[in-house]
Amino acid sequence: MKVSAYVFALSIVGGAVEAQSMIDQLCGQTHISQTNAQDDVTSNPDGYFVRSLQIQLSHGDPRIVQAVGKEYHLCTLSAATPEMDANRVFRLKNERVIKYLFVPLEDCPKPVS
């Protein structure tokens, strides 16, 4: 009994470490989740809504990544890019766009059987 409990605990910890390393790999090691509050991201029948950015991500969007854990993790980029002219960069300097949204497995849609 003790061995199975130990293996189970290792699989949970290993999954959390693997999920964190995926976040570090995709967003950078110094990245901090940019969700503003615990209820900043909500699930709905169409996907996920990020209140702070007022953005809806539909199921199937490649920016949605399933992750281990109980919290959403938001990774953003500046909306301004080097290819833009100076006026557009100035207008978008404070705007953010979603790079990745890490969603807890328990909130991911289940396949219909």
PDB file of N, CA and C in Angstrom:
ATOM      1  N   MET A   1       0.823  -1.197   0.000  1.00  0.00           N
ATOM      2  CA  MET A   1       0.000   0.000   0.000  1.00  0.00           C
ATOM      3  C   MET A   1       0.860   1.252   0.000  1.00  0.00           C
ATOM      4  N   LYS A   2       1.929   1.252   0.806  1.00  0.00           N
ATOM      5  CA  LYS A   2       2.782   2.428   0.892  1.00  0.00           C
ATOM      6  C   LYS A   2       3.472   2.721  -0.426  1.00  0.00           C
ATOM      7  N   VAL A   3       3.881   1.661  -1.141  1.00  0.00           N
ATOM      8  CA  VAL A   3       4.577   1.850  -2.415  1.00  0.00           C
ATOM      9  C   VAL A   3       3.654   2.503  -3.435  1.00  0.00           C
ATOM     10  N   SER A   4       2.404   2.057  -3.523  1.00  0.00           N
ATOM     11  CA  SER A   4       1.483   2.640  -4.496  1.00  0.00           C
ATOM     12  C   SER A   4       1.179   4.098  -4.157  1.00  0.00           C
ATOM     13  N   ALA A   5       1.064   4.418  -2.872  1.00  0.00           N
ATOM     14  CA  ALA A   5       0.828   5.806  -2.472  1.00  0.00           C
ATOM     15  C   ALA A   5       2.024   6.673  -2.825  1.00  0.00           C
ATOM     16  N   TYR A   6       3.218   6.130  -2.640  1.00  0.00           N
ATOM     17  CA  TYR A   6       4.450   6.857  -2.968  1.00  0.00           C
ATOM     18  C   TYR A   6       4.544   7.115  -4.473  1.00  0.00           C
ATOM     19  N   VAL A   7       4.239   6.096  -5.288  1.00  0.00           N
ATOM     20  CA  VAL A   7       4.272   6.243  -6.748  1.00  0.00           C
ATOM     21  C   VAL A   7       3.231   7.256  -7.193  1.00  0.00           C
ATOM     22  N   PHE A   8       2.051   7.219  -6.594  1.00  0.00           N
ATOM     23  CA  PHE A   8       1.005   8.175  -6.929  1.00  0.00           C
ATOM     24  C   PHE A   8       1.444   9.600  -6.599  1.00  0.00           C
ATOM     25  N   ALA A   9       2.026   9.784  -5.424  1.00  0.00           N
ATOM     26  CA  ALA A   9       2.507  11.118  -5.024  1.00  0.00           C
ATOM     27  C   ALA A   9       3.596  11.605  -5.967  1.00  0.00           C
ATOM     28  N   LEU A  10       4.500  10.723  -6.366  1.00  0.00           N
ATOM     29  CA  LEU A  10       5.549  11.111  -7.320  1.00  0.00           C
ATOM     30  C   LEU A  10       4.966  11.497  -8.672  1.00  0.00           C
ATOM     31  N   SER A  11       3.929  10.799  -9.109  1.00  0.00           N
ATOM     32  CA  SER A  11       3.330  11.134 -10.402  1.00  0.00           C
ATOM     33  C   SER A  11       2.660  12.500 -10.366  1.00  0.00           C
ATOM     34  N   ILE A  12       2.056  12.850  -9.237  1.00  0.00           N
ATOM     35  CA  ILE A  12       1.431  14.169  -9.102  1.00  0.00           C
ATOM     36  C   ILE A  12       2.501  15.252  -9.097  1.00  0.00           C
ATOM     37  N   VAL A  13       3.539  15.065  -8.276  1.00  0.00           N
ATOM     38  CA  VAL A  13       4.618  16.055  -8.209  1.00  0.00           C
ATOM     39  C   VAL A  13       5.333  16.145  -9.547  1.00  0.00           C
ATOM     40  N   GLY A  14       5.595  15.003 -10.164  1.00  0.00           N
ATOM     41  CA  GLY A  14       6.256  14.992 -11.469  1.00  0.00           C
ATOM     42  C   GLY A  14       5.434  15.703 -12.522  1.00  0.00           C
ATOM     43  N   GLY A  15       4.110  15.519 -12.488  1.00  0.00           N
ATOM     44  CA  GLY A  15       3.233  16.205 -13.436  1.00  0.00           C
ATOM     45  C   GLY A  15       3.261  17.704 -13.230  1.00  0.00           C
ATOM     46  N   ALA A  16       3.274  18.144 -11.968  1.00  0.00           N
ATOM     47  CA  ALA A  16       3.321  19.580 -11.676  1.00  0.00           C
ATOM     48  C   ALA A  16       4.640  20.181 -12.134  1.00  0.00           C
ATOM     49  N   VAL A  17       5.739  19.453 -11.915  1.00  0.00           N
ATOM     50  CA  VAL A  17       7.051  19.935 -12.362  1.00  0.00           C
ATOM     51  C   VAL A  17       7.100  19.994 -13.873  1.00  0.00           C
ATOM     52  N   GLU A  18       6.543  18.971 -14.534  1.00  0.00           N
ATOM     53  CA  GLU A  18       6.521  18.955 -15.998  1.00  0.00           C
ATOM     54  C   GLU A  18       5.683  20.117 -16.529  1.00  0.00           C
ATOM     55  N   ALA A  19       4.545  20.394 -15.887  1.00  0.00           N
ATOM     56  CA  ALA A  19       3.693  21.509 -16.313  1.00  0.00           C
ATOM     57  C   ALA A  19       4.425  22.833 -16.137  1.00  0.00           C
ATOM     58  N   GLN A  20       5.113  23.014 -14.992  1.00  0.00           N
ATOM     59  CA  GLN A  20       5.850  24.252 -14.761  1.00  0.00           C
ATOM     60  C   GLN A  20       6.972  24.402 -15.773  1.00  0.00           C
ATOM     61  N   SER A  21       7.643  23.300 -16.121  1.00  0.00           N
ATOM     62  CA  SER A  21       8.725  23.407 -17.096  1.00  0.00           C
ATOM     63  C   SER A  21       8.162  23.756 -18.474  1.00  0.00           C
ATOM     64  N   MET A  22       6.935  23.302 -18.790  1.00  0.00           N
ATOM     65  CA  MET A  22       6.313  23.667 -20.057  1.00  0.00           C
ATOM     66  C   MET A  22       6.014  25.167 -20.078  1.00  0.00           C
ATOM     67  N   ILE A  23       5.520  25.692 -18.964  1.00  0.00           N
ATOM     68  CA  ILE A  23       5.250  27.132 -18.870  1.00  0.00           C
ATOM     69  C   ILE A  23       6.552  27.900 -19.027  1.00  0.00           C
ATOM     70  N   ASP A  24       7.611  27.439 -18.336  1.00  0.00           N
ATOM     71  CA  ASP A  24       8.917  28.098 -18.443  1.00  0.00           C
ATOM     72  C   ASP A  24       9.442  28.049 -19.866  1.00  0.00           C
ATOM     73  N   GLN A  25       9.249  26.925 -20.541  1.00  0.00           N
ATOM     74  CA  GLN A  25       9.746  26.769 -21.903  1.00  0.00           C
ATOM     75  C   GLN A  25       8.985  27.661 -22.886  1.00  0.00           C
ATOM     76  N   LEU A  26       7.670  27.755 -22.749  1.00  0.00           N
ATOM     77  CA  LEU A  26       6.871  28.527 -23.696  1.00  0.00           C
ATOM     78  C   LEU A  26       6.837  30.026 -23.377  1.00  0.00           C
ATOM     79  N   CYS A  27       6.914  30.369 -22.093  1.00  0.00           N
ATOM     80  CA  CYS A  27       6.772  31.773 -21.693  1.00  0.00           C
ATOM     81  C   CYS A  27       8.068  32.407 -21.193  1.00  0.00           C
ATOM     82  N   GLY A  28       9.071  31.608 -20.867  1.00  0.00           N
ATOM     83  CA  GLY A  28      10.314  32.134 -20.314  1.00  0.00           C
ATOM     84  C   GLY A  28      10.397  31.841 -18.830  1.00  0.00           C
ATOM     85  N   GLN A  29      11.603  31.596 -18.332  1.00  0.00           N
ATOM     86  CA  GLN A  29      11.775  31.177 -16.945  1.00  0.00           C
ATOM     87  C   GLN A  29      11.417  32.261 -15.944  1.00  0.00           C
ATOM     88  N   THR A  30      11.516  33.512 -16.310  1.00  0.00           N
ATOM     89  CA  THR A  30      11.209  34.583 -15.361  1.00  0.00           C
ATOM     90  C   THR A  30       9.756  35.042 -15.458  1.00  0.00           C
ATOM     91  N   HIS A  31       8.958  34.333 -16.233  1.00  0.00           N
ATOM     92  CA  HIS A  31       7.559  34.719 -16.447  1.00  0.00           C
ATOM     93  C   HIS A  31       6.724  34.555 -15.185  1.00  0.00           C
ATOM     94  N   ILE A  32       5.805  35.481 -14.975  1.00  0.00           N
ATOM     95  CA  ILE A  32       4.830  35.427 -13.882  1.00  0.00           C
ATOM     96  C   ILE A  32       3.452  35.445 -14.527  1.00  0.00           C
ATOM     97  N   SER A  33       2.540  34.612 -14.035  1.00  0.00           N
ATOM     98  CA  SER A  33       1.191  34.568 -14.590  1.00  0.00           C
ATOM     99  C   SER A  33       0.566  35.956 -14.546  1.00  0.00           C
ATOM    100  N   GLN A  34      -0.101  36.323 -15.617  1.00  0.00           N
ATOM    101  CA  GLN A  34      -0.659  37.664 -15.717  1.00  0.00           C
ATOM    102  C   GLN A  34      -2.161  37.699 -15.538  1.00  0.00           C
ATOM    103  N   THR A  35      -2.696  36.703 -14.817  1.00  0.00           N
ATOM    104  CA  THR A  35      -4.101  36.783 -14.448  1.00  0.00           C
ATOM    105  C   THR A  35      -4.208  37.756 -13.285  1.00  0.00           C
ATOM    106  N   ASN A  36      -5.158  38.666 -13.355  1.00  0.00           N
ATOM    107  CA  ASN A  36      -5.273  39.719 -12.346  1.00  0.00           C
ATOM    108  C   ASN A  36      -5.955  39.262 -11.069  1.00  0.00           C
ATOM    109  N   ALA A  37      -6.809  38.283 -11.161  1.00  0.00           N
ATOM    110  CA  ALA A  37      -7.534  37.808  -9.984  1.00  0.00           C
ATOM    111  C   ALA A  37      -7.861  36.340 -10.183  1.00  0.00           C
ATOM    112  N   GLN A  38      -8.340  35.704  -9.142  1.00  0.00           N
ATOM    113  CA  GLN A  38      -8.656  34.285  -9.232  1.00  0.00           C
ATOM    114  C   GLN A  38      -9.760  34.026 -10.252  1.00  0.00           C
ATOM    115  N   ASP A  39     -10.689  34.960 -10.409  1.00  0.00           N
ATOM    116  CA  ASP A  39     -11.786  34.776 -11.365  1.00  0.00           C
ATOM    117  C   ASP A  39     -11.565  35.558 -12.660  1.00  0.00           C
ATOM    118  N   ASP A  40     -10.313  35.870 -12.993  1.00  0.00           N
ATOM    119  CA  ASP A  40      -9.998  36.611 -14.222  1.00  0.00           C
ATOM    120  C   ASP A  40     -10.325  35.795 -15.469  1.00  0.00           C
ATOM    121  N   VAL A  41     -10.123  34.477 -15.403  1.00  0.00           N
ATOM    122  CA  VAL A  41     -10.422  33.595 -16.531  1.00  0.00           C
ATOM    123  C   VAL A  41     -11.609  32.736 -16.141  1.00  0.00           C
ATOM    124  N   THR A  42     -12.620  32.726 -17.006  1.00  0.00           N
ATOM    125  CA  THR A  42     -13.791  31.885 -16.757  1.00  0.00           C
ATOM    126  C   THR A  42     -14.047  31.009 -17.973  1.00  0.00           C
ATOM    127  N   SER A  43     -14.513  29.790 -17.706  1.00  0.00           N
ATOM    128  CA  SER A  43     -14.863  28.903 -18.817  1.00  0.00           C
ATOM    129  C   SER A  43     -16.332  29.111 -19.171  1.00  0.00           C
ATOM    130  N   ASN A  44     -16.643  28.901 -20.431  1.00  0.00           N
ATOM    131  CA  ASN A  44     -18.010  28.995 -20.918  1.00  0.00           C
ATOM    132  C   ASN A  44     -18.185  27.960 -22.017  1.00  0.00           C
ATOM    133  N   PRO A  45     -19.391  27.750 -22.530  1.00  0.00           N
ATOM    134  CA  PRO A  45     -19.589  26.705 -23.542  1.00  0.00           C
ATOM    135  C   PRO A  45     -18.727  26.892 -24.806  1.00  0.00           C
ATOM    136  N   ASP A  46     -18.355  28.115 -25.137  1.00  0.00           N
ATOM    137  CA  ASP A  46     -17.560  28.355 -26.342  1.00  0.00           C
ATOM    138  C   ASP A  46     -16.062  28.249 -26.095  1.00  0.00           C
ATOM    139  N   GLY A  47     -15.607  28.388 -24.847  1.00  0.00           N
ATOM    140  CA  GLY A  47     -14.177  28.349 -24.567  1.00  0.00           C
ATOM    141  C   GLY A  47     -13.860  29.007 -23.237  1.00  0.00           C
ATOM    142  N   TYR A  48     -13.002  30.037 -23.290  1.00  0.00           N
ATOM    143  CA  TYR A  48     -12.543  30.728 -22.082  1.00  0.00           C
ATOM    144  C   TYR A  48     -12.543  32.229 -22.323  1.00  0.00           C
ATOM    145  N   PHE A  49     -12.983  32.992 -21.314  1.00  0.00           N
ATOM    146  CA  PHE A  49     -13.012  34.445 -21.414  1.00  0.00           C
ATOM    147  C   PHE A  49     -12.031  35.023 -20.410  1.00  0.00           C
ATOM    148  N   VAL A  50     -11.120  35.897 -20.883  1.00  0.00           N
ATOM    149  CA  VAL A  50     -10.152  36.568 -20.018  1.00  0.00           C
ATOM    150  C   VAL A  50     -10.681  37.963 -19.766  1.00  0.00           C
ATOM    151  N   ARG A  51     -11.185  38.205 -18.557  1.00  0.00           N
ATOM    152  CA  ARG A  51     -11.836  39.477 -18.230  1.00  0.00           C
ATOM    153  C   ARG A  51     -10.893  40.669 -18.320  1.00  0.00           C
ATOM    154  N   SER A  52      -9.672  40.528 -17.813  1.00  0.00           N
ATOM    155  CA  SER A  52      -8.756  41.674 -17.782  1.00  0.00           C
ATOM    156  C   SER A  52      -8.408  42.165 -19.180  1.00  0.00           C
ATOM    157  N   LEU A  53      -8.386  41.274 -20.165  1.00  0.00           N
ATOM    158  CA  LEU A  53      -8.068  41.661 -21.546  1.00  0.00           C
ATOM    159  C   LEU A  53      -9.308  41.774 -22.420  1.00  0.00           C
ATOM    160  N   GLN A  54     -10.464  41.340 -21.880  1.00  0.00           N
ATOM    161  CA  GLN A  54     -11.725  41.325 -22.633  1.00  0.00           C
ATOM    162  C   GLN A  54     -11.575  40.518 -23.927  1.00  0.00           C
ATOM    163  N   ILE A  55     -10.999  39.305 -23.798  1.00  0.00           N
ATOM    164  CA  ILE A  55     -10.753  38.435 -24.957  1.00  0.00           C
ATOM    165  C   ILE A  55     -11.390  37.078 -24.714  1.00  0.00           C
ATOM    166  N   GLN A  56     -12.101  36.566 -25.720  1.00  0.00           N
ATOM    167  CA  GLN A  56     -12.693  35.236 -25.698  1.00  0.00           C
ATOM    168  C   GLN A  56     -11.823  34.311 -26.548  1.00  0.00           C
ATOM    169  N   LEU A  57     -11.389  33.187 -25.976  1.00  0.00           N
ATOM    170  CA  LEU A  57     -10.673  32.153 -26.722  1.00  0.00           C
ATOM    171  C   LEU A  57     -11.604  30.969 -26.887  1.00  0.00           C
ATOM    172  N   SER A  58     -11.838  30.547 -28.117  1.00  0.00           N
ATOM    173  CA  SER A  58     -12.732  29.423 -28.375  1.00  0.00           C
ATOM    174  C   SER A  58     -11.983  28.105 -28.242  1.00  0.00           C
ATOM    175  N   HIS A  59     -12.724  27.036 -27.925  1.00  0.00           N
ATOM    176  CA  HIS A  59     -12.123  25.703 -27.864  1.00  0.00           C
ATOM    177  C   HIS A  59     -11.450  25.418 -29.197  1.00  0.00           C
ATOM    178  N   GLY A  60     -10.293  24.810 -29.156  1.00  0.00           N
ATOM    179  CA  GLY A  60      -9.550  24.505 -30.374  1.00  0.00           C
ATOM    180  C   GLY A  60      -8.526  25.567 -30.732  1.00  0.00           C
ATOM    181  N   ASP A  61      -8.543  26.706 -30.045  1.00  0.00           N
ATOM    182  CA  ASP A  61      -7.548  27.758 -30.288  1.00  0.00           C
ATOM    183  C   ASP A  61      -6.178  27.215 -29.886  1.00  0.00           C
ATOM    184  N   PRO A  62      -5.171  27.349 -30.763  1.00  0.00           N
ATOM    185  CA  PRO A  62      -3.845  26.791 -30.445  1.00  0.00           C
ATOM    186  C   PRO A  62      -3.152  27.471 -29.264  1.00  0.00           C
ATOM    187  N   ARG A  63      -3.654  28.596 -28.815  1.00  0.00           N
ATOM    188  CA  ARG A  63      -3.061  29.273 -27.658  1.00  0.00           C
ATOM    189  C   ARG A  63      -3.506  28.673 -26.334  1.00  0.00           C
ATOM    190  N   ILE A  64      -4.503  27.780 -26.355  1.00  0.00           N
ATOM    191  CA  ILE A  64      -4.973  27.115 -25.143  1.00  0.00           C
ATOM    192  C   ILE A  64      -4.144  25.853 -24.931  1.00  0.00           C
ATOM    193  N   VAL A  65      -3.525  25.754 -23.762  1.00  0.00           N
ATOM    194  CA  VAL A  65      -2.684  24.605 -23.423  1.00  0.00           C
ATOM    195  C   VAL A  65      -3.232  23.961 -22.156  1.00  0.00           C
ATOM    196  N   GLN A  66      -3.485  22.655 -22.199  1.00  0.00           N
ATOM    197  CA  GLN A  66      -3.934  21.941 -21.011  1.00  0.00           C
ATOM    198  C   GLN A  66      -2.762  21.792 -20.052  1.00  0.00           C
ATOM    199  N   ALA A  67      -3.008  22.014 -18.770  1.00  0.00           N
ATOM    200  CA  ALA A  67      -1.929  21.963 -17.783  1.00  0.00           C
ATOM    201  C   ALA A  67      -2.398  21.302 -16.500  1.00  0.00           C
ATOM    202  N   VAL A  68      -1.440  20.796 -15.748  1.00  0.00           N
ATOM    203  CA  VAL A  68      -1.706  20.211 -14.438  1.00  0.00           C
ATOM    204  C   VAL A  68      -1.836  21.348 -13.435  1.00  0.00           C
ATOM    205  N   GLY A  69      -2.694  21.204 -12.482  1.00  0.00           N
ATOM    206  CA  GLY A  69      -2.878  22.228 -11.462  1.00  0.00           C
ATOM    207  C   GLY A  69      -4.324  22.659 -11.390  1.00  0.00           C
ATOM    208  N   LYS A  70      -4.601  23.632 -10.533  1.00  0.00           N
ATOM    209  CA  LYS A  70      -5.971  24.086 -10.337  1.00  0.00           C
ATOM    210  C   LYS A  70      -6.172  25.541 -10.751  1.00  0.00           C
ATOM    211  N   GLU A  71      -5.112  26.198 -11.210  1.00  0.00           N
ATOM    212  CA  GLU A  71      -5.209  27.611 -11.554  1.00  0.00           C
ATOM    213  C   GLU A  71      -4.905  27.842 -13.029  1.00  0.00           C
ATOM    214  N   TYR A  72      -5.514  28.880 -13.561  1.00  0.00           N
ATOM    215  CA  TYR A  72      -5.203  29.309 -14.915  1.00  0.00           C
ATOM    216  C   TYR A  72      -3.872  30.058 -14.890  1.00  0.00           C
ATOM    217  N   HIS A  73      -3.140  29.970 -15.971  1.00  0.00           N
ATOM    218  CA  HIS A  73      -1.867  30.685 -16.077  1.00  0.00           C
ATOM    219  C   HIS A  73      -1.880  31.402 -17.424  1.00  0.00           C
ATOM    220  N   LEU A  74      -1.714  32.708 -17.417  1.00  0.00           N
ATOM    221  CA  LEU A  74      -1.813  33.527 -18.618  1.00  0.00           C
ATOM    222  C   LEU A  74      -0.449  34.082 -18.998  1.00  0.00           C
ATOM    223  N   CYS A  75      -0.103  33.919 -20.249  1.00  0.00           N
ATOM    224  CA  CYS A  75       1.163  34.399 -20.797  1.00  0.00           C
ATOM    225  C   CYS A  75       0.808  35.376 -21.931  1.00  0.00           C
ATOM    226  N   THR A  76       1.262  36.628 -21.854  1.00  0.00           N
ATOM    227  CA  THR A  76       0.898  37.627 -22.863  1.00  0.00           C
ATOM    228  C   THR A  76       2.128  38.217 -23.546  1.00  0.00           C
ATOM    229  N   LEU A  77       1.871  38.913 -24.644  1.00  0.00           N
ATOM    230  CA  LEU A  77       2.887  39.650 -25.398  1.00  0.00           C
ATOM    231  C   LEU A  77       2.396  41.069 -25.613  1.00  0.00           C
ATOM    232  N   SER A  78       3.306  41.948 -25.926  1.00  0.00           N
ATOM    233  CA  SER A  78       2.915  43.300 -26.308  1.00  0.00           C
ATOM    234  C   SER A  78       2.244  43.251 -27.667  1.00  0.00           C
ATOM    235  N   ALA A  79       1.199  44.039 -27.855  1.00  0.00           N
ATOM    236  CA  ALA A  79       0.510  44.083 -29.146  1.00  0.00           C
ATOM    237  C   ALA A  79       1.347  44.816 -30.187  1.00  0.00           C
ATOM    238  N   ALA A  80       2.248  45.678 -29.745  1.00  0.00           N
ATOM    239  CA  ALA A  80       3.131  46.410 -30.655  1.00  0.00           C
ATOM    240  C   ALA A  80       4.281  45.499 -31.094  1.00  0.00           C
ATOM    241  N   THR A  81       4.588  45.514 -32.375  1.00  0.00           N
ATOM    242  CA  THR A  81       5.683  44.695 -32.905  1.00  0.00           C
ATOM    243  C   THR A  81       6.674  45.586 -33.657  1.00  0.00           C
ATOM    244  N   PRO A  82       7.894  45.119 -33.853  1.00  0.00           N
ATOM    245  CA  PRO A  82       8.902  45.923 -34.552  1.00  0.00           C
ATOM    246  C   PRO A  82       8.542  46.260 -36.004  1.00  0.00           C
ATOM    247  N   GLU A  83       7.672  45.466 -36.622  1.00  0.00           N
ATOM    248  CA  GLU A  83       7.302  45.706 -38.022  1.00  0.00           C
ATOM    249  C   GLU A  83       6.342  46.885 -38.196  1.00  0.00           C
ATOM    250  N   MET A  84       5.747  47.363 -37.116  1.00  0.00           N
ATOM    251  CA  MET A  84       4.756  48.447 -37.187  1.00  0.00           C
ATOM    252  C   MET A  84       5.426  49.805 -37.312  1.00  0.00           C
ATOM    253  N   ASP A  85       4.670  50.753 -37.890  1.00  0.00           N
ATOM    254  CA  ASP A  85       5.196  52.123 -37.946  1.00  0.00           C
ATOM    255  C   ASP A  85       5.091  52.773 -36.565  1.00  0.00           C
ATOM    256  N   ALA A  86       5.767  53.892 -36.378  1.00  0.00           N
ATOM    257  CA  ALA A  86       5.875  54.528 -35.061  1.00  0.00           C
ATOM    258  C   ALA A  86       4.516  54.923 -34.487  1.00  0.00           C
ATOM    259  N   ASN A  87       3.590  55.415 -35.310  1.00  0.00           N
ATOM    260  CA  ASN A  87       2.269  55.818 -34.819  1.00  0.00           C
ATOM    261  C   ASN A  87       1.491  54.636 -34.243  1.00  0.00           C
ATOM    262  N   ARG A  88       1.529  53.526 -34.965  1.00  0.00           N
ATOM    263  CA  ARG A  88       0.795  52.350 -34.504  1.00  0.00           C
ATOM    264  C   ARG A  88       1.428  51.777 -33.235  1.00  0.00           C
ATOM    265  N   VAL A  89       2.754  51.759 -33.183  1.00  0.00           N
ATOM    266  CA  VAL A  89       3.445  51.283 -31.974  1.00  0.00           C
ATOM    267  C   VAL A  89       3.056  52.150 -30.778  1.00  0.00           C
ATOM    268  N   PHE A  90       3.002  53.456 -30.967  1.00  0.00           N
ATOM    269  CA  PHE A  90       2.649  54.367 -29.881  1.00  0.00           C
ATOM    270  C   PHE A  90       1.227  54.086 -29.377  1.00  0.00           C
ATOM    271  N   ARG A  91       0.290  53.827 -30.307  1.00  0.00           N
ATOM    272  CA  ARG A  91      -1.092  53.543 -29.916  1.00  0.00           C
ATOM    273  C   ARG A  91      -1.228  52.212 -29.189  1.00  0.00           C
ATOM    274  N   LEU A  92      -0.399  51.234 -29.533  1.00  0.00           N
ATOM    275  CA  LEU A  92      -0.520  49.898 -28.961  1.00  0.00           C
ATOM    276  C   LEU A  92       0.481  49.594 -27.850  1.00  0.00           C
ATOM    277  N   LYS A  93       1.233  50.602 -27.412  1.00  0.00           N
ATOM    278  CA  LYS A  93       2.306  50.339 -26.448  1.00  0.00           C
ATOM    279  C   LYS A  93       1.811  49.767 -25.121  1.00  0.00           C
ATOM    280  N   ASN A  94       0.592  50.043 -24.716  1.00  0.00           N
ATOM    281  CA  ASN A  94       0.058  49.525 -23.456  1.00  0.00           C
ATOM    282  C   ASN A  94      -0.894  48.349 -23.642  1.00  0.00           C
ATOM    283  N   GLU A  95      -1.070  47.902 -24.870  1.00  0.00           N
ATOM    284  CA  GLU A  95      -1.979  46.785 -25.160  1.00  0.00           C
ATOM    285  C   GLU A  95      -1.232  45.457 -25.069  1.00  0.00           C
ATOM    286  N   ARG A  96      -1.937  44.420 -24.598  1.00  0.00           N
ATOM    287  CA  ARG A  96      -1.372  43.077 -24.497  1.00  0.00           C
ATOM    288  C   ARG A  96      -2.250  42.112 -25.289  1.00  0.00           C
ATOM    289  N   VAL A  97      -1.639  41.075 -25.855  1.00  0.00           N
ATOM    290  CA  VAL A  97      -2.363  40.001 -26.530  1.00  0.00           C
ATOM    291  C   VAL A  97      -1.957  38.680 -25.878  1.00  0.00           C
ATOM    292  N   ILE A  98      -2.815  37.695 -25.999  1.00  0.00           N
ATOM    293  CA  ILE A  98      -2.548  36.400 -25.375  1.00  0.00           C
ATOM    294  C   ILE A  98      -1.550  35.609 -26.201  1.00  0.00           C
ATOM    295  N   LYS A  99      -0.511  35.140 -25.528  1.00  0.00           N
ATOM    296  CA  LYS A  99       0.442  34.220 -26.156  1.00  0.00           C
ATOM    297  C   LYS A  99      -0.007  32.789 -25.861  1.00  0.00           C
ATOM    298  N   TYR A 100      -0.211  32.461 -24.580  1.00  0.00           N
ATOM    299  CA  TYR A 100      -0.705  31.152 -24.168  1.00  0.00           C
ATOM    300  C   TYR A 100      -1.615  31.306 -22.958  1.00  0.00           C
ATOM    301  N   LEU A 101      -2.636  30.464 -22.903  1.00  0.00           N
ATOM    302  CA  LEU A 101      -3.481  30.350 -21.725  1.00  0.00           C
ATOM    303  C   LEU A 101      -3.402  28.902 -21.274  1.00  0.00           C
ATOM    304  N   PHE A 102      -2.796  28.664 -20.105  1.00  0.00           N
ATOM    305  CA  PHE A 102      -2.693  27.328 -19.544  1.00  0.00           C
ATOM    306  C   PHE A 102      -3.941  27.068 -18.716  1.00  0.00           C
ATOM    307  N   VAL A 103      -4.673  26.024 -19.094  1.00  0.00           N
ATOM    308  CA  VAL A 103      -5.971  25.719 -18.509  1.00  0.00           C
ATOM    309  C   VAL A 103      -5.869  24.438 -17.688  1.00  0.00           C
ATOM    310  N   PRO A 104      -6.384  24.433 -16.448  1.00  0.00           N
ATOM    311  CA  PRO A 104      -6.372  23.197 -15.643  1.00  0.00           C
ATOM    312  C   PRO A 104      -7.119  22.085 -16.355  1.00  0.00           C
ATOM    313  N   LEU A 105      -6.595  20.873 -16.277  1.00  0.00           N
ATOM    314  CA  LEU A 105      -7.213  19.728 -16.951  1.00  0.00           C
ATOM    315  C   LEU A 105      -8.673  19.549 -16.561  1.00  0.00           C
ATOM    316  N   GLU A 106      -9.021  19.848 -15.313  1.00  0.00           N
ATOM    317  CA  GLU A 106     -10.395  19.652 -14.860  1.00  0.00           C
ATOM    318  C   GLU A 106     -11.376  20.597 -15.566  1.00  0.00           C
ATOM    319  N   ASP A 107     -10.894  21.705 -16.130  1.00  0.00           N
ATOM    320  CA  ASP A 107     -11.765  22.653 -16.830  1.00  0.00           C
ATOM    321  C   ASP A 107     -11.776  22.441 -18.344  1.00  0.00           C
ATOM    322  N   CYS A 108     -10.992  21.493 -18.837  1.00  0.00           N
ATOM    323  CA  CYS A 108     -10.946  21.235 -20.271  1.00  0.00           C
ATOM    324  C   CYS A 108     -12.177  20.419 -20.685  1.00  0.00           C
ATOM    325  N   PRO A 109     -12.670  20.650 -21.901  1.00  0.00           N
ATOM    326  CA  PRO A 109     -13.846  19.896 -22.342  1.00  0.00           C
ATOM    327  C   PRO A 109     -13.535  18.412 -22.463  1.00  0.00           C
ATOM    328  N   LYS A 110     -14.500  17.585 -22.086  1.00  0.00           N
ATOM    329  CA  LYS A 110     -14.339  16.126 -22.165  1.00  0.00           C
ATOM    330  C   LYS A 110     -14.887  15.651 -23.498  1.00  0.00           C
ATOM    331  N   PRO A 111     -14.215  14.671 -24.133  1.00  0.00           N
ATOM    332  CA  PRO A 111     -14.738  14.145 -25.387  1.00  0.00           C
ATOM    333  C   PRO A 111     -16.073  13.431 -25.165  1.00  0.00           C
ATOM    334  N   VAL A 112     -16.978  13.592 -26.102  1.00  0.00           N
ATOM    335  CA  VAL A 112     -18.294  12.951 -26.013  1.00  0.00           C
ATOM    336  C   VAL A 112     -18.160  11.530 -26.521  1.00  0.00           C
ATOM    337  N   SER A 113     -18.644  10.545 -25.718  1.00  0.00           N
ATOM    338  CA  SER A 113     -18.528   9.154 -26.153  1.00  0.00           C
ATOM    339  C   SER A 113     -19.837   8.571 -26.581  1.00  0.00           C
TER     340      SER A 113
END
